[in-house]
Amino acid sequence: MAQVVWREKAARLLAAHLDYAFAEFGRKALSNWYKEIKQIESRMSIHPESYTIEPLLADKSKKYRGAIIMKKFKLIHFYDIKTDTVYIDYIWDMRMNPEMLKELSN
């Protein structure tokens, strides 16, 4: 099973989104985020290349993939086969301009 590692930027964004979800929508929304993320992490650890390659980042040297959370966000991640590790690099709000994702991943 692959190890799942949250990069610092992604971890900060996750904390911010969880804080916002709790403040605006309450404990149930926070619980839903948490459950969905745990399911995604579990799938990543068992099948690290199961999510589709992110088309907006297809020209990058790494094969970035996107896992959808709560219908509006994507966990942008890549799998390092040498270390058997999935790195979660970014949480992208899909309501943002797609060009922003390209710029943020440089």
Foldseek 3Di string as FASTA:
>chain_A
DAAEAEDPAAVVVVVVVLVVCCVPPRDVSSVQQVVQVVVVRVCCLVPVPPAQFDPLCVVDPFRWGWDDGPNFKTFTWGADPVRSYIYRYHIGGNVDDSVVVVVVVD
